[in-house]
Amino acid sequence: MVIRWMIPLFLVLALLGGMIVGYVVIGKQSLSEVFEWKTWQHVIDLVFAP
């Protein structure tokens, strides 16, 4: 029973950790920008641009 909620929790924590490491440590940007929608909208626009 405990494993059923631990696996999704670990997946969400890994996602957040990867976003923070990739954007703050590698990208050298501020931590506050990680959780702004406009940041990720820009990334999505870059990835799916024609």
N, C-alpha and C. Protein backbone atom coordinates (compact mmCIF):
# COMPACT_ATOMS: atom_id res chain seq x y z
N MET A 1 0.83 -1.20 0.00
CA MET A 1 0.00 0.00 0.00
C MET A 1 0.87 1.26 0.00
N VAL A 2 1.94 1.24 0.77
CA VAL A 2 2.82 2.40 0.85
C VAL A 2 3.53 2.64 -0.47
N ILE A 3 3.89 1.56 -1.16
CA ILE A 3 4.60 1.68 -2.43
C ILE A 3 3.72 2.35 -3.49
N ARG A 4 2.42 2.15 -3.42
CA ARG A 4 1.53 2.74 -4.43
C ARG A 4 1.55 4.26 -4.42
N TRP A 5 1.78 4.88 -3.30
CA TRP A 5 1.86 6.35 -3.30
C TRP A 5 3.29 6.85 -3.29
N MET A 6 4.26 5.98 -2.96
CA MET A 6 5.66 6.41 -2.97
C MET A 6 6.21 6.53 -4.38
N ILE A 7 5.83 5.65 -5.28
CA ILE A 7 6.36 5.70 -6.64
C ILE A 7 5.94 6.98 -7.36
N PRO A 8 4.66 7.37 -7.37
CA PRO A 8 4.32 8.66 -8.00
C PRO A 8 4.98 9.85 -7.31
N LEU A 9 5.12 9.77 -5.99
CA LEU A 9 5.79 10.85 -5.25
C LEU A 9 7.24 10.98 -5.69
N PHE A 10 7.94 9.87 -5.82
CA PHE A 10 9.33 9.91 -6.27
C PHE A 10 9.44 10.40 -7.71
N LEU A 11 8.48 10.05 -8.55
CA LEU A 11 8.50 10.53 -9.93
C LEU A 11 8.32 12.04 -10.00
N VAL A 12 7.42 12.57 -9.19
CA VAL A 12 7.21 14.03 -9.15
C VAL A 12 8.44 14.73 -8.59
N LEU A 13 9.04 14.17 -7.55
CA LEU A 13 10.25 14.76 -6.99
C LEU A 13 11.40 14.72 -7.99
N ALA A 14 11.52 13.65 -8.76
CA ALA A 14 12.56 13.56 -9.79
C ALA A 14 12.33 14.59 -10.88
N LEU A 15 11.07 14.80 -11.27
CA LEU A 15 10.75 15.81 -12.27
C LEU A 15 11.12 17.20 -11.78
N LEU A 16 10.73 17.53 -10.56
CA LEU A 16 11.06 18.85 -10.00
C LEU A 16 12.56 19.02 -9.85
N GLY A 17 13.24 17.99 -9.38
CA GLY A 17 14.70 18.06 -9.22
C GLY A 17 15.39 18.25 -10.56
N GLY A 18 14.93 17.55 -11.58
CA GLY A 18 15.52 17.70 -12.91
C GLY A 18 15.28 19.08 -13.49
N MET A 19 14.09 19.62 -13.26
CA MET A 19 13.80 20.98 -13.74
C MET A 19 14.72 21.99 -13.06
N ILE A 20 14.89 21.84 -11.77
CA ILE A 20 15.72 22.79 -11.02
C ILE A 20 17.18 22.67 -11.41
N VAL A 21 17.68 21.45 -11.49
CA VAL A 21 19.09 21.26 -11.85
C VAL A 21 19.34 21.74 -13.28
N GLY A 22 18.47 21.39 -14.18
CA GLY A 22 18.67 21.78 -15.57
C GLY A 22 18.57 23.28 -15.80
N TYR A 23 17.67 23.92 -15.12
CA TYR A 23 17.44 25.35 -15.36
C TYR A 23 18.36 26.23 -14.53
N VAL A 24 18.59 25.86 -13.27
CA VAL A 24 19.38 26.71 -12.38
C VAL A 24 20.87 26.40 -12.47
N VAL A 25 21.23 25.13 -12.37
CA VAL A 25 22.65 24.77 -12.34
C VAL A 25 23.25 24.82 -13.74
N ILE A 26 22.63 24.14 -14.69
CA ILE A 26 23.18 24.09 -16.04
C ILE A 26 22.89 25.37 -16.81
N GLY A 27 21.66 25.87 -16.70
CA GLY A 27 21.26 27.06 -17.44
C GLY A 27 21.65 28.37 -16.81
N LYS A 28 22.08 28.32 -15.56
CA LYS A 28 22.52 29.52 -14.83
C LYS A 28 21.44 30.60 -14.78
N GLN A 29 20.19 30.20 -14.53
CA GLN A 29 19.08 31.14 -14.40
C GLN A 29 18.62 31.15 -12.94
N SER A 30 17.70 32.04 -12.61
CA SER A 30 17.25 32.14 -11.23
C SER A 30 16.22 31.06 -10.90
N LEU A 31 16.19 30.69 -9.65
CA LEU A 31 15.30 29.62 -9.18
C LEU A 31 13.84 30.03 -9.30
N SER A 32 13.54 31.30 -9.12
CA SER A 32 12.14 31.74 -9.18
C SER A 32 11.53 31.57 -10.56
N GLU A 33 12.36 31.59 -11.61
CA GLU A 33 11.85 31.45 -12.97
C GLU A 33 11.48 30.02 -13.32
N VAL A 34 11.94 29.06 -12.53
CA VAL A 34 11.68 27.65 -12.83
C VAL A 34 10.19 27.36 -12.80
N PHE A 35 9.46 27.97 -11.90
CA PHE A 35 8.06 27.64 -11.71
C PHE A 35 7.10 28.62 -12.38
N GLU A 36 7.62 29.48 -13.25
CA GLU A 36 6.76 30.40 -13.99
C GLU A 36 6.30 29.74 -15.29
N TRP A 37 5.02 29.90 -15.62
CA TRP A 37 4.47 29.27 -16.82
C TRP A 37 5.11 29.82 -18.09
N LYS A 38 5.44 31.11 -18.12
CA LYS A 38 5.99 31.70 -19.34
C LYS A 38 7.33 31.09 -19.71
N THR A 39 8.08 30.64 -18.74
CA THR A 39 9.36 29.98 -19.01
C THR A 39 9.14 28.70 -19.78
N TRP A 40 8.22 27.87 -19.32
CA TRP A 40 7.98 26.57 -19.95
C TRP A 40 7.19 26.71 -21.24
N GLN A 41 6.39 27.75 -21.36
CA GLN A 41 5.72 28.02 -22.63
C GLN A 41 6.75 28.36 -23.70
N HIS A 42 7.78 29.12 -23.31
CA HIS A 42 8.85 29.45 -24.25
C HIS A 42 9.61 28.19 -24.67
N VAL A 43 9.88 27.30 -23.73
CA VAL A 43 10.57 26.05 -24.04
C VAL A 43 9.72 25.21 -25.00
N ILE A 44 8.43 25.12 -24.73
CA ILE A 44 7.54 24.35 -25.60
C ILE A 44 7.51 24.96 -26.99
N ASP A 45 7.46 26.28 -27.07
CA ASP A 45 7.46 26.96 -28.37
C ASP A 45 8.76 26.68 -29.14
N LEU A 46 9.89 26.63 -28.43
CA LEU A 46 11.16 26.33 -29.09
C LEU A 46 11.21 24.89 -29.60
N VAL A 47 10.71 23.98 -28.81
CA VAL A 47 10.79 22.56 -29.19
C VAL A 47 9.86 22.25 -30.37
N PHE A 48 8.65 22.81 -30.35
CA PHE A 48 7.67 22.47 -31.37
C PHE A 48 7.54 23.52 -32.47
N ALA A 49 8.52 24.39 -32.61
CA ALA A 49 8.48 25.42 -33.64
C ALA A 49 8.64 24.77 -35.02
N PRO A 50 7.92 25.24 -36.00
CA PRO A 50 8.05 24.65 -37.36
C PRO A 50 9.34 25.09 -38.03
